[in-house]
Amino acid sequence: MKLRMLLHTTKYDGGLHYRFPVELVHEDANLLVTYRGPHVMMESYRGSFASKYHLLLLHWNDRHWNLDLHWHEDWTPGNHYVNIATPASWKDDVVTCCDLDLDLSMRAGGRDVRVEDEDEFEEHRIKWSYPPELVDLCRRMVVEVSELMRSSPLFDGRLHEWRPGRALPALDL
């Protein structure tokens, strides 16, 4: 039986970022991996809508980022998408973290990393008075994770081989 959970991410001011149901794939002391398929209703700061993609979500409780792997509806690999965020926590079947705006993306099979939402980060940094240490941490994470995306087996495409009901590929997660 699949354990259902709720992913609930917020923005720095505590407002909703995303909220939707997910299924547990893997859990250990520091990592929670969940899955959400297409056609799942999602709530977001942009309103409610049905998801379009398969999504494997990796959340660590000791890293200031999380990873989303996207597939199109026909399971064609899409991309790796990293959210700079607070470390995740999970209890009572709810996964939470705070999205800190900056994101990195890399197409499946590619090595070119794009930084996303820098304008949103700057806007929210001022609007919500991000502390200087948080700003420095976010910018440092962009550099570190960008390098990791080009060199780590976590981003080499093996995770895109996963499907529901299968074990995750053996990687140093």
N, C-alpha and C. Protein backbone atom coordinates (compact mmCIF):
# COMPACT_ATOMS: atom_id res chain seq x y z
N MET A 1 0.84 -1.19 0.00
CA MET A 1 0.00 0.00 0.00
C MET A 1 0.88 1.25 0.00
N LYS A 2 0.53 2.21 -0.81
CA LYS A 2 1.31 3.43 -0.95
C LYS A 2 0.92 4.41 0.15
N LEU A 3 1.91 4.95 0.80
CA LEU A 3 1.65 5.95 1.83
C LEU A 3 1.46 7.31 1.16
N ARG A 4 0.33 7.91 1.38
CA ARG A 4 0.04 9.24 0.83
C ARG A 4 0.52 10.29 1.81
N MET A 5 1.09 11.35 1.28
CA MET A 5 1.57 12.46 2.09
C MET A 5 1.09 13.75 1.42
N LEU A 6 1.32 14.85 2.09
CA LEU A 6 1.00 16.16 1.54
C LEU A 6 2.27 16.98 1.50
N LEU A 7 2.62 17.50 0.34
CA LEU A 7 3.73 18.44 0.22
C LEU A 7 3.16 19.83 0.40
N HIS A 8 3.73 20.59 1.33
CA HIS A 8 3.25 21.94 1.59
C HIS A 8 4.47 22.85 1.74
N THR A 9 4.76 23.61 0.69
CA THR A 9 5.87 24.55 0.74
C THR A 9 5.32 25.96 0.86
N THR A 10 6.09 26.79 1.53
CA THR A 10 5.69 28.18 1.75
C THR A 10 6.73 29.12 1.15
N LYS A 11 6.35 30.36 1.08
CA LYS A 11 7.29 31.43 0.77
C LYS A 11 7.84 31.95 2.10
N TYR A 12 8.82 32.84 2.05
CA TYR A 12 9.49 33.34 3.26
C TYR A 12 8.52 34.03 4.21
N ASP A 13 7.48 34.65 3.68
CA ASP A 13 6.51 35.34 4.53
C ASP A 13 5.48 34.40 5.14
N GLY A 14 5.60 33.10 4.86
CA GLY A 14 4.66 32.11 5.38
C GLY A 14 3.50 31.81 4.46
N GLY A 15 3.37 32.56 3.39
CA GLY A 15 2.29 32.33 2.43
C GLY A 15 2.52 31.07 1.62
N LEU A 16 1.46 30.57 1.03
CA LEU A 16 1.50 29.34 0.24
C LEU A 16 2.43 29.48 -0.97
N HIS A 17 3.23 28.47 -1.18
CA HIS A 17 4.00 28.31 -2.41
C HIS A 17 3.31 27.22 -3.23
N TYR A 18 3.38 25.95 -2.76
CA TYR A 18 2.66 24.85 -3.39
C TYR A 18 2.14 23.89 -2.32
N ARG A 19 1.01 23.26 -2.63
CA ARG A 19 0.45 22.22 -1.76
C ARG A 19 -0.25 21.20 -2.65
N PHE A 20 0.17 19.93 -2.53
CA PHE A 20 -0.45 18.86 -3.31
C PHE A 20 -0.10 17.51 -2.70
N PRO A 21 -0.92 16.49 -2.98
CA PRO A 21 -0.66 15.16 -2.45
C PRO A 21 0.48 14.48 -3.22
N VAL A 22 1.25 13.68 -2.48
CA VAL A 22 2.35 12.90 -3.05
C VAL A 22 2.31 11.50 -2.46
N GLU A 23 3.03 10.59 -3.10
CA GLU A 23 3.16 9.22 -2.61
C GLU A 23 4.59 8.98 -2.17
N LEU A 24 4.77 8.32 -1.04
CA LEU A 24 6.09 8.01 -0.52
C LEU A 24 6.78 6.98 -1.40
N VAL A 25 8.03 7.27 -1.78
CA VAL A 25 8.85 6.36 -2.57
C VAL A 25 9.99 5.79 -1.72
N HIS A 26 10.61 6.66 -0.91
CA HIS A 26 11.78 6.27 -0.12
C HIS A 26 11.92 7.23 1.05
N GLU A 27 12.35 6.68 2.18
CA GLU A 27 12.61 7.53 3.35
C GLU A 27 13.77 6.94 4.12
N ASP A 28 14.71 7.81 4.50
CA ASP A 28 15.75 7.43 5.45
C ASP A 28 15.95 8.60 6.40
N ALA A 29 17.00 8.58 7.18
CA ALA A 29 17.19 9.59 8.23
C ALA A 29 17.26 11.01 7.67
N ASN A 30 17.83 11.20 6.48
CA ASN A 30 18.02 12.55 5.95
C ASN A 30 17.31 12.85 4.64
N LEU A 31 16.70 11.85 4.03
CA LEU A 31 16.12 12.02 2.69
C LEU A 31 14.72 11.45 2.62
N LEU A 32 13.83 12.23 2.02
CA LEU A 32 12.48 11.77 1.72
C LEU A 32 12.28 11.93 0.22
N VAL A 33 11.85 10.85 -0.44
CA VAL A 33 11.59 10.89 -1.88
C VAL A 33 10.11 10.60 -2.08
N THR A 34 9.42 11.46 -2.83
CA THR A 34 8.00 11.30 -3.09
C THR A 34 7.74 11.44 -4.59
N TYR A 35 6.53 11.02 -4.99
CA TYR A 35 6.14 11.06 -6.39
C TYR A 35 4.75 11.69 -6.51
N ARG A 36 4.58 12.45 -7.59
CA ARG A 36 3.27 13.00 -7.95
C ARG A 36 3.12 12.85 -9.46
N GLY A 37 2.02 12.29 -9.87
CA GLY A 37 1.77 12.09 -11.29
C GLY A 37 1.06 13.26 -11.93
N PRO A 38 0.80 13.15 -13.22
CA PRO A 38 0.02 14.18 -13.91
C PRO A 38 -1.44 14.12 -13.49
N HIS A 39 -2.16 15.20 -13.71
CA HIS A 39 -3.59 15.32 -13.45
C HIS A 39 -3.94 15.36 -11.96
N VAL A 40 -2.97 15.72 -11.12
CA VAL A 40 -3.21 15.86 -9.69
C VAL A 40 -3.52 17.33 -9.42
N MET A 41 -4.57 17.59 -8.67
CA MET A 41 -4.91 18.98 -8.34
C MET A 41 -3.90 19.55 -7.36
N MET A 42 -3.45 20.75 -7.68
CA MET A 42 -2.43 21.45 -6.90
C MET A 42 -2.95 22.82 -6.51
N GLU A 43 -2.59 23.26 -5.32
CA GLU A 43 -2.84 24.64 -4.90
C GLU A 43 -1.50 25.36 -4.95
N SER A 44 -1.53 26.61 -5.37
CA SER A 44 -0.29 27.38 -5.41
C SER A 44 -0.58 28.86 -5.26
N TYR A 45 0.48 29.62 -5.13
CA TYR A 45 0.36 31.08 -5.07
C TYR A 45 -0.18 31.63 -6.38
N ARG A 46 -0.22 30.81 -7.42
CA ARG A 46 -0.75 31.22 -8.72
C ARG A 46 -2.19 30.74 -8.92
N GLY A 47 -2.76 30.07 -7.92
CA GLY A 47 -4.10 29.52 -8.03
C GLY A 47 -4.07 28.01 -8.03
N SER A 48 -5.21 27.39 -8.27
CA SER A 48 -5.32 25.93 -8.31
C SER A 48 -5.36 25.44 -9.75
N PHE A 49 -4.72 24.30 -9.99
CA PHE A 49 -4.69 23.73 -11.34
C PHE A 49 -4.26 22.27 -11.25
N ALA A 50 -4.46 21.54 -12.33
CA ALA A 50 -4.04 20.14 -12.41
C ALA A 50 -2.60 20.07 -12.93
N SER A 51 -1.83 19.19 -12.32
CA SER A 51 -0.44 19.02 -12.75
C SER A 51 -0.40 18.43 -14.16
N LYS A 52 0.68 18.72 -14.87
CA LYS A 52 0.84 18.23 -16.24
C LYS A 52 1.90 17.14 -16.35
N TYR A 53 2.77 17.03 -15.36
CA TYR A 53 3.94 16.18 -15.47
C TYR A 53 4.02 15.14 -14.35
N HIS A 54 4.81 14.10 -14.60
CA HIS A 54 5.26 13.20 -13.55
C HIS A 54 6.37 13.94 -12.82
N LEU A 55 6.43 13.79 -11.52
CA LEU A 55 7.40 14.53 -10.73
C LEU A 55 7.92 13.65 -9.60
N LEU A 56 9.24 13.45 -9.54
CA LEU A 56 9.90 12.78 -8.43
C LEU A 56 10.57 13.86 -7.62
N LEU A 57 10.25 13.94 -6.33
CA LEU A 57 10.73 15.02 -5.47
C LEU A 57 11.66 14.46 -4.41
N LEU A 58 12.85 15.02 -4.29
CA LEU A 58 13.82 14.62 -3.29
C LEU A 58 14.02 15.77 -2.32
N HIS A 59 13.71 15.52 -1.05
CA HIS A 59 13.86 16.53 0.00
C HIS A 59 14.80 16.01 1.08
N TRP A 60 15.79 16.81 1.40
CA TRP A 60 16.73 16.47 2.47
C TRP A 60 16.45 17.36 3.68
N ASN A 61 16.71 16.83 4.86
CA ASN A 61 16.54 17.65 6.07
C ASN A 61 17.86 18.29 6.51
N ASP A 62 18.89 18.15 5.69
CA ASP A 62 20.18 18.74 6.03
C ASP A 62 20.80 19.52 4.86
N ARG A 63 20.00 19.85 3.86
CA ARG A 63 20.48 20.62 2.70
C ARG A 63 19.55 21.80 2.46
N HIS A 64 20.12 22.88 1.97
CA HIS A 64 19.33 24.08 1.67
C HIS A 64 18.89 24.08 0.21
N TRP A 65 18.47 22.93 -0.27
CA TRP A 65 17.92 22.79 -1.61
C TRP A 65 17.20 21.46 -1.69
N ASN A 66 16.31 21.37 -2.67
CA ASN A 66 15.64 20.11 -2.96
C ASN A 66 15.60 19.94 -4.47
N LEU A 67 15.32 18.72 -4.90
CA LEU A 67 15.39 18.38 -6.32
C LEU A 67 14.07 17.82 -6.80
N ASP A 68 13.60 18.34 -7.93
CA ASP A 68 12.43 17.81 -8.63
C ASP A 68 12.90 17.27 -9.98
N LEU A 69 12.52 16.03 -10.28
CA LEU A 69 12.77 15.47 -11.62
C LEU A 69 11.44 15.42 -12.34
N HIS A 70 11.42 15.98 -13.55
CA HIS A 70 10.20 16.03 -14.35
C HIS A 70 10.26 15.04 -15.50
N TRP A 71 9.10 14.47 -15.80
CA TRP A 71 8.88 13.68 -17.01
C TRP A 71 7.60 14.22 -17.65
N HIS A 72 7.54 14.15 -18.97
CA HIS A 72 6.29 14.47 -19.66
C HIS A 72 5.32 13.32 -19.39
N GLU A 73 4.08 13.50 -19.77
CA GLU A 73 3.04 12.50 -19.48
C GLU A 73 3.37 11.12 -20.06
N ASP A 74 4.08 11.08 -21.19
CA ASP A 74 4.45 9.80 -21.81
C ASP A 74 5.77 9.24 -21.25
N TRP A 75 6.26 9.80 -20.18
CA TRP A 75 7.49 9.41 -19.48
C TRP A 75 8.76 9.81 -20.23
N THR A 76 8.66 10.70 -21.20
CA THR A 76 9.86 11.27 -21.80
C THR A 76 10.50 12.17 -20.74
N PRO A 77 11.81 11.98 -20.46
CA PRO A 77 12.46 12.81 -19.43
C PRO A 77 12.39 14.30 -19.78
N GLY A 78 12.13 15.10 -18.77
CA GLY A 78 12.05 16.54 -18.93
C GLY A 78 13.30 17.23 -18.42
N ASN A 79 13.35 17.48 -17.11
CA ASN A 79 14.51 18.17 -16.58
C ASN A 79 14.74 17.86 -15.11
N HIS A 80 15.88 18.36 -14.63
CA HIS A 80 16.21 18.39 -13.21
C HIS A 80 15.95 19.84 -12.78
N TYR A 81 15.24 20.01 -11.69
CA TYR A 81 14.90 21.35 -11.23
C TYR A 81 15.22 21.43 -9.74
N VAL A 82 16.14 22.31 -9.37
CA VAL A 82 16.55 22.46 -7.98
C VAL A 82 15.96 23.75 -7.43
N ASN A 83 15.32 23.61 -6.29
CA ASN A 83 14.78 24.76 -5.56
C ASN A 83 15.71 25.08 -4.41
N ILE A 84 16.22 26.29 -4.34
CA ILE A 84 16.95 26.72 -3.16
C ILE A 84 15.88 26.94 -2.09
N ALA A 85 16.06 26.30 -0.95
CA ALA A 85 15.00 26.28 0.07
C ALA A 85 15.59 25.97 1.44
N THR A 86 14.77 26.08 2.44
CA THR A 86 15.21 25.62 3.76
C THR A 86 15.23 24.10 3.75
N PRO A 87 16.00 23.49 4.66
CA PRO A 87 15.93 22.04 4.79
C PRO A 87 14.49 21.61 5.07
N ALA A 88 14.12 20.47 4.54
CA ALA A 88 12.75 19.97 4.69
C ALA A 88 12.56 19.30 6.04
N SER A 89 11.31 19.23 6.44
CA SER A 89 10.93 18.42 7.59
C SER A 89 9.69 17.64 7.20
N TRP A 90 9.51 16.50 7.83
CA TRP A 90 8.31 15.70 7.55
C TRP A 90 7.89 14.98 8.82
N LYS A 91 6.60 15.12 9.08
CA LYS A 91 5.97 14.41 10.19
C LYS A 91 4.46 14.47 9.98
N ASP A 92 3.77 13.52 10.58
CA ASP A 92 2.32 13.45 10.43
C ASP A 92 1.90 13.48 8.95
N ASP A 93 2.69 12.84 8.10
CA ASP A 93 2.39 12.71 6.67
C ASP A 93 2.38 14.03 5.90
N VAL A 94 3.10 15.05 6.43
CA VAL A 94 3.21 16.35 5.75
C VAL A 94 4.68 16.69 5.59
N VAL A 95 5.07 17.05 4.37
CA VAL A 95 6.43 17.48 4.05
C VAL A 95 6.40 19.00 3.93
N THR A 96 7.29 19.68 4.64
CA THR A 96 7.30 21.14 4.59
C THR A 96 8.71 21.68 4.36
N CYS A 97 8.77 22.83 3.73
CA CYS A 97 10.00 23.61 3.61
C CYS A 97 9.60 24.99 3.09
N CYS A 98 10.54 25.90 3.16
CA CYS A 98 10.31 27.26 2.68
C CYS A 98 11.11 27.48 1.40
N ASP A 99 10.42 27.78 0.33
CA ASP A 99 11.06 28.07 -0.96
C ASP A 99 11.70 29.45 -0.89
N LEU A 100 12.95 29.55 -1.31
CA LEU A 100 13.68 30.82 -1.24
C LEU A 100 13.92 31.41 -2.62
N ASP A 101 13.04 31.13 -3.54
CA ASP A 101 12.93 31.79 -4.84
C ASP A 101 13.93 31.34 -5.89
N LEU A 102 15.21 31.28 -5.57
CA LEU A 102 16.20 30.94 -6.58
C LEU A 102 16.09 29.47 -6.96
N ASP A 103 16.18 29.19 -8.25
CA ASP A 103 16.07 27.83 -8.77
C ASP A 103 17.15 27.61 -9.82
N LEU A 104 17.48 26.34 -10.04
CA LEU A 104 18.40 25.96 -11.10
C LEU A 104 17.74 24.87 -11.91
N SER A 105 17.92 24.88 -13.22
CA SER A 105 17.33 23.85 -14.06
C SER A 105 18.35 23.35 -15.07
N MET A 106 18.19 22.07 -15.42
CA MET A 106 19.05 21.44 -16.40
C MET A 106 18.22 20.38 -17.12
N ARG A 107 18.17 20.43 -18.43
CA ARG A 107 17.42 19.44 -19.20
C ARG A 107 18.02 18.06 -19.00
N ALA A 108 17.16 17.05 -19.04
CA ALA A 108 17.63 15.67 -18.94
C ALA A 108 18.65 15.41 -20.05
N GLY A 109 19.77 14.82 -19.70
CA GLY A 109 20.81 14.53 -20.67
C GLY A 109 21.72 15.71 -20.96
N GLY A 110 21.42 16.87 -20.41
CA GLY A 110 22.24 18.05 -20.65
C GLY A 110 23.23 18.32 -19.54
N ARG A 111 24.02 19.35 -19.72
CA ARG A 111 24.96 19.78 -18.68
C ARG A 111 24.90 21.30 -18.50
N ASP A 112 24.05 21.97 -19.29
CA ASP A 112 23.92 23.42 -19.15
C ASP A 112 22.94 23.72 -18.03
N VAL A 113 23.41 24.43 -17.02
CA VAL A 113 22.60 24.78 -15.86
C VAL A 113 22.14 26.22 -15.99
N ARG A 114 20.84 26.43 -15.83
CA ARG A 114 20.28 27.79 -15.88
C ARG A 114 19.82 28.20 -14.49
N VAL A 115 20.12 29.42 -14.11
CA VAL A 115 19.60 29.98 -12.86
C VAL A 115 18.29 30.64 -13.19
N GLU A 116 17.26 30.30 -12.40
CA GLU A 116 15.90 30.80 -12.64
C GLU A 116 15.47 31.72 -11.49
N ASP A 117 14.59 32.63 -11.79
CA ASP A 117 13.87 33.46 -10.81
C ASP A 117 14.75 34.39 -9.98
N GLU A 118 15.84 34.88 -10.57
CA GLU A 118 16.68 35.85 -9.87
C GLU A 118 15.91 37.13 -9.58
N ASP A 119 15.03 37.52 -10.51
CA ASP A 119 14.23 38.72 -10.30
C ASP A 119 13.27 38.55 -9.12
N GLU A 120 12.66 37.38 -9.00
CA GLU A 120 11.76 37.09 -7.89
C GLU A 120 12.53 37.11 -6.56
N PHE A 121 13.73 36.55 -6.56
CA PHE A 121 14.57 36.55 -5.37
C PHE A 121 14.87 38.00 -4.93
N GLU A 122 15.26 38.84 -5.87
CA GLU A 122 15.57 40.24 -5.54
C GLU A 122 14.34 40.98 -5.00
N GLU A 123 13.21 40.74 -5.65
CA GLU A 123 11.96 41.38 -5.21
C GLU A 123 11.59 40.95 -3.79
N HIS A 124 11.63 39.65 -3.52
CA HIS A 124 11.26 39.14 -2.20
C HIS A 124 12.32 39.45 -1.14
N ARG A 125 13.58 39.49 -1.55
CA ARG A 125 14.66 39.85 -0.62
C ARG A 125 14.38 41.21 0.02
N ILE A 126 13.93 42.13 -0.80
CA ILE A 126 13.62 43.48 -0.32
C ILE A 126 12.26 43.51 0.39
N LYS A 127 11.24 42.96 -0.25
CA LYS A 127 9.88 43.00 0.28
C LYS A 127 9.77 42.35 1.66
N TRP A 128 10.46 41.20 1.85
CA TRP A 128 10.32 40.45 3.10
C TRP A 128 11.56 40.56 3.99
N SER A 129 12.47 41.46 3.63
CA SER A 129 13.67 41.72 4.45
C SER A 129 14.46 40.47 4.77
N TYR A 130 14.88 39.75 3.73
CA TYR A 130 15.73 38.59 3.96
C TYR A 130 16.97 39.04 4.73
N PRO A 131 17.33 38.33 5.78
CA PRO A 131 18.57 38.68 6.50
C PRO A 131 19.79 38.50 5.59
N PRO A 132 20.83 39.31 5.78
CA PRO A 132 22.03 39.21 4.93
C PRO A 132 22.62 37.80 4.90
N GLU A 133 22.58 37.08 6.05
CA GLU A 133 23.13 35.71 6.07
C GLU A 133 22.33 34.78 5.16
N LEU A 134 21.02 34.99 5.08
CA LEU A 134 20.18 34.16 4.22
C LEU A 134 20.47 34.46 2.75
N VAL A 135 20.64 35.72 2.42
CA VAL A 135 20.96 36.11 1.05
C VAL A 135 22.29 35.47 0.64
N ASP A 136 23.30 35.56 1.53
CA ASP A 136 24.60 34.96 1.24
C ASP A 136 24.48 33.45 1.07
N LEU A 137 23.72 32.80 1.93
CA LEU A 137 23.52 31.36 1.85
C LEU A 137 22.88 30.97 0.52
N CYS A 138 21.83 31.68 0.13
CA CYS A 138 21.14 31.38 -1.14
C CYS A 138 22.09 31.52 -2.32
N ARG A 139 22.85 32.58 -2.34
CA ARG A 139 23.78 32.79 -3.46
C ARG A 139 24.89 31.74 -3.46
N ARG A 140 25.36 31.36 -2.29
CA ARG A 140 26.37 30.31 -2.18
C ARG A 140 25.81 28.97 -2.66
N MET A 141 24.55 28.69 -2.31
CA MET A 141 23.92 27.44 -2.75
C MET A 141 23.79 27.39 -4.27
N VAL A 142 23.51 28.50 -4.90
CA VAL A 142 23.41 28.53 -6.37
C VAL A 142 24.74 28.09 -6.99
N VAL A 143 25.84 28.61 -6.48
CA VAL A 143 27.16 28.26 -7.01
C VAL A 143 27.47 26.79 -6.74
N GLU A 144 27.28 26.35 -5.49
CA GLU A 144 27.60 24.97 -5.12
C GLU A 144 26.74 23.95 -5.86
N VAL A 145 25.44 24.20 -5.92
CA VAL A 145 24.55 23.24 -6.56
C VAL A 145 24.76 23.24 -8.08
N SER A 146 25.06 24.39 -8.64
CA SER A 146 25.34 24.45 -10.08
C SER A 146 26.52 23.56 -10.43
N GLU A 147 27.57 23.60 -9.62
CA GLU A 147 28.74 22.74 -9.83
C GLU A 147 28.35 21.27 -9.65
N LEU A 148 27.55 20.99 -8.63
CA LEU A 148 27.10 19.63 -8.36
C LEU A 148 26.27 19.08 -9.53
N MET A 149 25.43 19.92 -10.11
CA MET A 149 24.58 19.48 -11.21
C MET A 149 25.39 19.05 -12.42
N ARG A 150 26.58 19.61 -12.57
CA ARG A 150 27.43 19.25 -13.72
C ARG A 150 28.31 18.03 -13.45
N SER A 151 28.41 17.61 -12.18
CA SER A 151 29.39 16.57 -11.86
C SER A 151 28.86 15.37 -11.07
N SER A 152 27.73 15.50 -10.39
CA SER A 152 27.26 14.44 -9.51
C SER A 152 26.43 13.39 -10.25
N PRO A 153 26.57 12.12 -9.86
CA PRO A 153 25.72 11.07 -10.43
C PRO A 153 24.23 11.33 -10.17
N LEU A 154 23.93 12.13 -9.17
CA LEU A 154 22.54 12.47 -8.88
C LEU A 154 21.86 13.13 -10.08
N PHE A 155 22.66 13.77 -10.95
CA PHE A 155 22.12 14.51 -12.09
C PHE A 155 22.51 13.91 -13.44
N ASP A 156 23.00 12.67 -13.44
CA ASP A 156 23.50 12.09 -14.69
C ASP A 156 22.43 11.40 -15.53
N GLY A 157 21.19 11.41 -15.08
CA GLY A 157 20.11 10.83 -15.86
C GLY A 157 19.59 9.50 -15.34
N ARG A 158 20.35 8.84 -14.47
CA ARG A 158 19.89 7.54 -13.96
C ARG A 158 18.57 7.64 -13.20
N LEU A 159 18.34 8.74 -12.50
CA LEU A 159 17.08 8.89 -11.77
C LEU A 159 15.89 8.97 -12.72
N HIS A 160 16.12 9.41 -13.95
CA HIS A 160 15.02 9.46 -14.93
C HIS A 160 14.60 8.06 -15.39
N GLU A 161 15.36 7.02 -15.03
CA GLU A 161 14.97 5.64 -15.35
C GLU A 161 13.93 5.11 -14.37
N TRP A 162 13.75 5.78 -13.25
CA TRP A 162 12.80 5.33 -12.22
C TRP A 162 11.36 5.41 -12.73
N ARG A 163 10.51 4.51 -12.23
CA ARG A 163 9.07 4.53 -12.47
C ARG A 163 8.37 4.10 -11.18
N PRO A 164 7.11 4.48 -10.99
CA PRO A 164 6.38 4.05 -9.79
C PRO A 164 6.42 2.53 -9.64
N GLY A 165 6.59 2.09 -8.41
CA GLY A 165 6.66 0.67 -8.13
C GLY A 165 8.05 0.08 -8.21
N ARG A 166 9.00 0.84 -8.72
CA ARG A 166 10.39 0.38 -8.81
C ARG A 166 11.21 1.02 -7.69
N ALA A 167 12.30 0.36 -7.34
CA ALA A 167 13.25 0.95 -6.40
C ALA A 167 14.01 2.07 -7.10
N LEU A 168 14.50 3.00 -6.33
CA LEU A 168 15.35 4.04 -6.90
C LEU A 168 16.66 3.44 -7.38
N PRO A 169 17.25 3.97 -8.45
CA PRO A 169 18.57 3.49 -8.87
C PRO A 169 19.58 3.68 -7.73
N ALA A 170 20.57 2.83 -7.67
CA ALA A 170 21.61 2.93 -6.65
C ALA A 170 22.49 4.14 -6.94
N LEU A 171 22.32 5.17 -6.15
CA LEU A 171 23.13 6.38 -6.27
C LEU A 171 23.52 6.83 -4.87
N ASP A 172 24.54 7.62 -4.79
CA ASP A 172 24.91 8.22 -3.50
C ASP A 172 24.03 9.44 -3.31
N LEU A 173 22.83 9.21 -2.78
CA LEU A 173 21.87 10.30 -2.60
C LEU A 173 22.15 11.04 -1.32
